Every structure is written in structure tokens, then in C-alpha cells.
């Protein structure tokens, strides 16, 4: 654990070892949580809304009905979409840990 000092305006510098271990670079976002006197920073990925819409359209384009089973309901299609989104997120998270 490293000791860090808070500077003017509440700024803190994350030690190089921590940035390297988490593969953080300038401009990355961190989610800050305060709970019971403990401060936690967690790296998060922020995606542009337009980019997210394009990715969702790409995912939805892969969801197609192929018979002869009955066509899936909207709820079933949404379940498929949710599964695809989770797969994309898992792939992204896995690539970030490398």
C-alpha cells in the first residue's frame, strides 16, 4: 500500500505502480465510492452514446429468426440481446486485464 498526499483542490496522484497494475492512463475514468470511512476507486470504461448505439445496432443485426421453430417473442429476443451485450462486455474486460 502506498501513502498519498492530498493536494490543493483535493487532487491526489496515483502511484505509478498502481496505474501500471490497473493499466490506467491519462484521461481514464475512475468510479469513486465512499462507504463507512473508506474511499474506493474503480476503473470504468465510458462509451460515447452514439458509439454505444452503433454497437447495439451491430448486436441486434446478428439476432435473426431462422425457422422452423416459432419466431421468438420480444422478451426472448431481448434475452438474446442481453446475453450478447454481456459477452461483449466480458470480452472487453478480459482484453483490459492483459
N, C-alpha and C. Protein backbone atom coordinates (compact mmCIF):
# COMPACT_ATOMS: atom_id res chain seq x y z
N UNK A 1 0.85 -1.17 0.00
CA UNK A 1 0.00 0.00 0.00
C UNK A 1 0.89 1.23 0.00
N UNK A 2 0.47 2.24 -0.74
CA UNK A 2 1.25 3.47 -0.86
C UNK A 2 0.56 4.58 -0.08
N UNK A 3 1.34 5.48 0.43
CA UNK A 3 0.83 6.66 1.12
C UNK A 3 0.79 7.79 0.10
N UNK A 4 -0.38 8.40 -0.06
CA UNK A 4 -0.52 9.52 -0.99
C UNK A 4 -0.97 10.75 -0.22
N UNK A 5 -0.64 11.89 -0.75
CA UNK A 5 -0.97 13.15 -0.09
C UNK A 5 -1.97 13.91 -0.94
N UNK A 6 -3.00 14.46 -0.29
CA UNK A 6 -3.98 15.25 -1.00
C UNK A 6 -3.43 16.66 -1.18
N UNK A 7 -3.52 17.17 -2.39
CA UNK A 7 -3.02 18.49 -2.73
C UNK A 7 -4.17 19.49 -2.79
N UNK A 8 -3.83 20.71 -3.14
CA UNK A 8 -4.82 21.77 -3.27
C UNK A 8 -5.94 21.33 -4.22
N UNK A 9 -7.16 21.65 -3.86
CA UNK A 9 -8.30 21.30 -4.70
C UNK A 9 -8.69 19.84 -4.60
N UNK A 10 -8.13 19.11 -3.65
CA UNK A 10 -8.50 17.71 -3.46
C UNK A 10 -7.79 16.75 -4.41
N UNK A 11 -6.77 17.21 -5.11
CA UNK A 11 -6.08 16.35 -6.06
C UNK A 11 -5.17 15.37 -5.35
N UNK A 12 -5.17 14.14 -5.86
CA UNK A 12 -4.23 13.12 -5.40
C UNK A 12 -3.57 12.51 -6.63
N UNK A 13 -2.37 12.02 -6.46
CA UNK A 13 -1.66 11.35 -7.54
C UNK A 13 -1.61 9.87 -7.23
N UNK A 14 -2.07 9.07 -8.18
CA UNK A 14 -1.98 7.62 -8.00
C UNK A 14 -0.54 7.19 -8.29
N UNK A 15 0.03 6.38 -7.43
CA UNK A 15 1.41 5.93 -7.66
C UNK A 15 1.53 5.18 -8.98
N UNK A 16 2.70 5.30 -9.59
CA UNK A 16 2.95 4.66 -10.89
C UNK A 16 2.67 3.16 -10.84
N UNK A 17 3.03 2.51 -9.72
CA UNK A 17 2.81 1.06 -9.61
C UNK A 17 1.32 0.72 -9.71
N UNK A 18 0.48 1.54 -9.07
CA UNK A 18 -0.97 1.31 -9.11
C UNK A 18 -1.50 1.54 -10.51
N UNK A 19 -1.05 2.63 -11.17
CA UNK A 19 -1.50 2.90 -12.54
C UNK A 19 -1.10 1.79 -13.48
N UNK A 20 0.12 1.31 -13.32
CA UNK A 20 0.61 0.24 -14.19
C UNK A 20 -0.16 -1.06 -13.94
N UNK A 21 -0.39 -1.38 -12.67
CA UNK A 21 -1.10 -2.63 -12.33
C UNK A 21 -2.52 -2.62 -12.88
N UNK A 22 -3.15 -1.45 -12.92
CA UNK A 22 -4.53 -1.34 -13.41
C UNK A 22 -4.59 -0.91 -14.87
N UNK A 23 -3.42 -0.74 -15.50
CA UNK A 23 -3.35 -0.31 -16.90
C UNK A 23 -4.12 0.98 -17.12
N UNK A 24 -3.89 1.95 -16.23
CA UNK A 24 -4.55 3.24 -16.32
C UNK A 24 -3.64 4.23 -17.05
N UNK A 25 -4.28 5.12 -17.78
CA UNK A 25 -3.51 6.17 -18.43
C UNK A 25 -4.29 7.47 -18.33
N UNK A 26 -3.64 8.56 -18.68
CA UNK A 26 -4.26 9.87 -18.59
C UNK A 26 -5.58 9.89 -19.34
N UNK A 27 -6.61 10.43 -18.71
CA UNK A 27 -7.93 10.54 -19.33
C UNK A 27 -8.86 9.39 -18.96
N UNK A 28 -8.35 8.32 -18.36
CA UNK A 28 -9.22 7.22 -17.93
C UNK A 28 -10.13 7.70 -16.81
N UNK A 29 -11.27 7.05 -16.68
CA UNK A 29 -12.24 7.40 -15.65
C UNK A 29 -12.18 6.39 -14.51
N UNK A 30 -12.43 6.90 -13.30
CA UNK A 30 -12.48 6.06 -12.11
C UNK A 30 -13.80 6.33 -11.40
N UNK A 31 -14.46 5.28 -10.95
CA UNK A 31 -15.68 5.39 -10.17
C UNK A 31 -15.26 5.50 -8.71
N UNK A 32 -15.73 6.54 -8.02
CA UNK A 32 -15.36 6.75 -6.62
C UNK A 32 -16.54 6.39 -5.73
N UNK A 33 -16.29 5.56 -4.74
CA UNK A 33 -17.31 5.17 -3.77
C UNK A 33 -16.78 5.49 -2.38
N UNK A 34 -17.63 6.05 -1.53
CA UNK A 34 -17.28 6.29 -0.13
C UNK A 34 -18.26 5.49 0.70
N UNK A 35 -17.73 4.62 1.54
CA UNK A 35 -18.58 3.77 2.37
C UNK A 35 -17.89 3.52 3.70
N UNK A 36 -18.54 3.93 4.77
CA UNK A 36 -18.01 3.68 6.10
C UNK A 36 -16.61 4.20 6.32
N UNK A 37 -16.31 5.38 5.84
CA UNK A 37 -14.98 5.95 6.03
C UNK A 37 -13.92 5.41 5.10
N UNK A 38 -14.32 4.61 4.12
CA UNK A 38 -13.38 4.06 3.15
C UNK A 38 -13.68 4.62 1.77
N UNK A 39 -12.64 5.04 1.08
CA UNK A 39 -12.77 5.55 -0.27
C UNK A 39 -12.25 4.48 -1.22
N UNK A 40 -13.03 4.15 -2.24
CA UNK A 40 -12.63 3.14 -3.21
C UNK A 40 -12.69 3.75 -4.61
N UNK A 41 -11.63 3.56 -5.37
CA UNK A 41 -11.59 3.98 -6.77
C UNK A 41 -11.56 2.73 -7.64
N UNK A 42 -12.43 2.72 -8.65
CA UNK A 42 -12.52 1.56 -9.53
C UNK A 42 -12.51 2.05 -10.98
N UNK A 43 -11.61 1.51 -11.81
CA UNK A 43 -11.58 1.93 -13.22
C UNK A 43 -12.89 1.57 -13.92
N UNK A 44 -13.37 2.48 -14.75
CA UNK A 44 -14.58 2.23 -15.54
C UNK A 44 -14.33 2.67 -16.97
N UNK A 45 -15.06 2.08 -17.87
CA UNK A 45 -14.98 2.45 -19.27
C UNK A 45 -16.22 3.28 -19.60
N UNK A 46 -16.00 4.43 -20.18
CA UNK A 46 -17.10 5.30 -20.59
C UNK A 46 -17.17 5.23 -22.10
N UNK A 47 -18.37 4.95 -22.60
CA UNK A 47 -18.56 4.81 -24.04
C UNK A 47 -19.46 5.94 -24.53
N UNK A 48 -19.08 6.53 -25.63
CA UNK A 48 -19.90 7.56 -26.26
C UNK A 48 -21.25 6.97 -26.63
N UNK A 49 -22.33 7.71 -26.36
CA UNK A 49 -23.68 7.21 -26.59
C UNK A 49 -23.89 6.81 -28.05
N UNK A 50 -23.40 7.60 -28.98
CA UNK A 50 -23.57 7.28 -30.40
C UNK A 50 -22.83 5.99 -30.74
N UNK A 51 -21.64 5.83 -30.16
CA UNK A 51 -20.88 4.60 -30.37
C UNK A 51 -21.62 3.41 -29.77
N UNK A 52 -22.19 3.60 -28.59
CA UNK A 52 -22.96 2.52 -27.96
C UNK A 52 -24.16 2.13 -28.81
N UNK A 53 -24.83 3.13 -29.40
CA UNK A 53 -25.97 2.84 -30.27
C UNK A 53 -25.53 2.05 -31.50
N UNK A 54 -24.37 2.41 -32.07
CA UNK A 54 -23.85 1.67 -33.23
C UNK A 54 -23.54 0.22 -32.83
N UNK A 55 -22.92 0.05 -31.66
CA UNK A 55 -22.60 -1.30 -31.20
C UNK A 55 -23.87 -2.11 -30.96
N UNK A 56 -24.89 -1.47 -30.38
CA UNK A 56 -26.15 -2.17 -30.14
C UNK A 56 -26.81 -2.55 -31.47
N UNK A 57 -26.78 -1.65 -32.44
CA UNK A 57 -27.33 -1.98 -33.76
C UNK A 57 -26.59 -3.17 -34.37
N UNK A 58 -25.27 -3.20 -34.20
CA UNK A 58 -24.47 -4.32 -34.70
C UNK A 58 -24.88 -5.63 -34.03
N UNK A 59 -25.08 -5.57 -32.72
CA UNK A 59 -25.51 -6.77 -31.98
C UNK A 59 -26.89 -7.20 -32.44
N UNK A 60 -27.80 -6.24 -32.56
CA UNK A 60 -29.17 -6.57 -32.98
C UNK A 60 -29.20 -7.15 -34.39
N UNK A 61 -28.27 -6.73 -35.24
CA UNK A 61 -28.24 -7.26 -36.61
C UNK A 61 -27.87 -8.74 -36.63
N UNK A 62 -27.22 -9.23 -35.57
CA UNK A 62 -26.85 -10.65 -35.50
C UNK A 62 -27.99 -11.52 -34.99
N UNK A 63 -29.03 -10.88 -34.45
CA UNK A 63 -30.17 -11.63 -33.92
C UNK A 63 -31.18 -11.78 -35.05
N UNK A 64 -31.24 -12.98 -35.61
CA UNK A 64 -32.16 -13.21 -36.71
C UNK A 64 -32.98 -14.47 -36.46
N UNK A 65 -34.16 -14.48 -37.01
CA UNK A 65 -35.02 -15.64 -36.88
C UNK A 65 -34.69 -16.62 -37.99
N UNK A 66 -34.41 -17.86 -37.60
CA UNK A 66 -34.20 -18.94 -38.55
C UNK A 66 -35.12 -20.07 -38.12
N UNK A 67 -36.11 -20.38 -38.94
CA UNK A 67 -37.13 -21.38 -38.60
C UNK A 67 -36.56 -22.77 -38.53
N UNK A 68 -37.29 -23.80 -38.37
CA UNK A 68 -38.75 -23.83 -38.42
C UNK A 68 -39.42 -23.61 -37.06
N UNK A 69 -38.66 -23.43 -35.97
CA UNK A 69 -39.29 -23.18 -34.69
C UNK A 69 -40.11 -21.90 -34.76
N UNK A 70 -41.04 -21.73 -33.84
CA UNK A 70 -41.80 -20.48 -33.84
C UNK A 70 -40.87 -19.28 -33.64
N UNK A 71 -41.20 -18.17 -34.26
CA UNK A 71 -40.39 -16.96 -34.12
C UNK A 71 -40.36 -16.55 -32.64
N UNK A 72 -39.18 -16.15 -32.13
CA UNK A 72 -39.09 -15.80 -30.71
C UNK A 72 -39.90 -14.55 -30.38
N UNK A 73 -40.37 -14.50 -29.15
CA UNK A 73 -41.13 -13.33 -28.69
C UNK A 73 -40.16 -12.17 -28.48
N UNK A 74 -40.71 -10.98 -28.26
CA UNK A 74 -39.85 -9.82 -28.00
C UNK A 74 -39.02 -10.04 -26.74
N UNK A 75 -39.61 -10.67 -25.72
CA UNK A 75 -38.87 -10.95 -24.49
C UNK A 75 -37.70 -11.90 -24.76
N UNK A 76 -37.93 -12.90 -25.59
CA UNK A 76 -36.86 -13.84 -25.91
C UNK A 76 -35.75 -13.13 -26.71
N UNK A 77 -36.14 -12.26 -27.62
CA UNK A 77 -35.16 -11.50 -28.39
C UNK A 77 -34.35 -10.62 -27.44
N UNK A 78 -35.01 -9.96 -26.49
CA UNK A 78 -34.30 -9.12 -25.53
C UNK A 78 -33.34 -9.94 -24.68
N UNK A 79 -33.73 -11.16 -24.31
CA UNK A 79 -32.82 -12.04 -23.57
C UNK A 79 -31.57 -12.34 -24.39
N UNK A 80 -31.75 -12.58 -25.68
CA UNK A 80 -30.63 -12.85 -26.57
C UNK A 80 -29.73 -11.62 -26.64
N UNK A 81 -30.35 -10.44 -26.77
CA UNK A 81 -29.58 -9.19 -26.84
C UNK A 81 -28.78 -8.99 -25.56
N UNK A 82 -29.41 -9.21 -24.41
CA UNK A 82 -28.72 -9.05 -23.13
C UNK A 82 -27.53 -10.01 -23.04
N UNK A 83 -27.72 -11.24 -23.49
CA UNK A 83 -26.61 -12.21 -23.49
C UNK A 83 -25.46 -11.73 -24.38
N UNK A 84 -25.79 -11.18 -25.54
CA UNK A 84 -24.76 -10.67 -26.44
C UNK A 84 -24.02 -9.49 -25.83
N UNK A 85 -24.76 -8.59 -25.17
CA UNK A 85 -24.13 -7.44 -24.53
C UNK A 85 -23.18 -7.91 -23.43
N UNK A 86 -23.61 -8.87 -22.64
CA UNK A 86 -22.74 -9.41 -21.59
C UNK A 86 -21.48 -10.04 -22.19
N UNK A 87 -21.62 -10.73 -23.31
CA UNK A 87 -20.46 -11.35 -23.96
C UNK A 87 -19.48 -10.29 -24.43
N UNK A 88 -20.00 -9.21 -25.01
CA UNK A 88 -19.13 -8.12 -25.48
C UNK A 88 -18.43 -7.47 -24.30
N UNK A 89 -19.16 -7.23 -23.21
CA UNK A 89 -18.56 -6.62 -22.02
C UNK A 89 -17.49 -7.53 -21.42
N UNK A 90 -17.77 -8.82 -21.36
CA UNK A 90 -16.79 -9.77 -20.81
C UNK A 90 -15.52 -9.79 -21.67
N UNK A 91 -15.72 -9.76 -22.99
CA UNK A 91 -14.57 -9.75 -23.90
C UNK A 91 -13.75 -8.48 -23.69
N UNK A 92 -14.43 -7.35 -23.53
CA UNK A 92 -13.74 -6.08 -23.32
C UNK A 92 -12.99 -6.10 -21.98
N UNK A 93 -13.64 -6.59 -20.94
CA UNK A 93 -12.98 -6.65 -19.62
C UNK A 93 -11.77 -7.57 -19.65
N UNK A 94 -11.88 -8.68 -20.38
CA UNK A 94 -10.77 -9.63 -20.47
C UNK A 94 -9.60 -9.00 -21.21
N UNK A 95 -9.87 -8.24 -22.26
CA UNK A 95 -8.79 -7.60 -23.02
C UNK A 95 -8.13 -6.50 -22.21
N UNK A 96 -8.84 -5.91 -21.28
CA UNK A 96 -8.29 -4.84 -20.44
C UNK A 96 -7.34 -5.39 -19.39
N UNK A 97 -7.50 -6.65 -18.99
CA UNK A 97 -6.64 -7.25 -17.96
C UNK A 97 -5.35 -7.78 -18.55
N UNK A 98 -5.22 -7.78 -19.82
CA UNK A 98 -3.99 -8.29 -20.45
C UNK A 98 -2.93 -7.26 -20.54
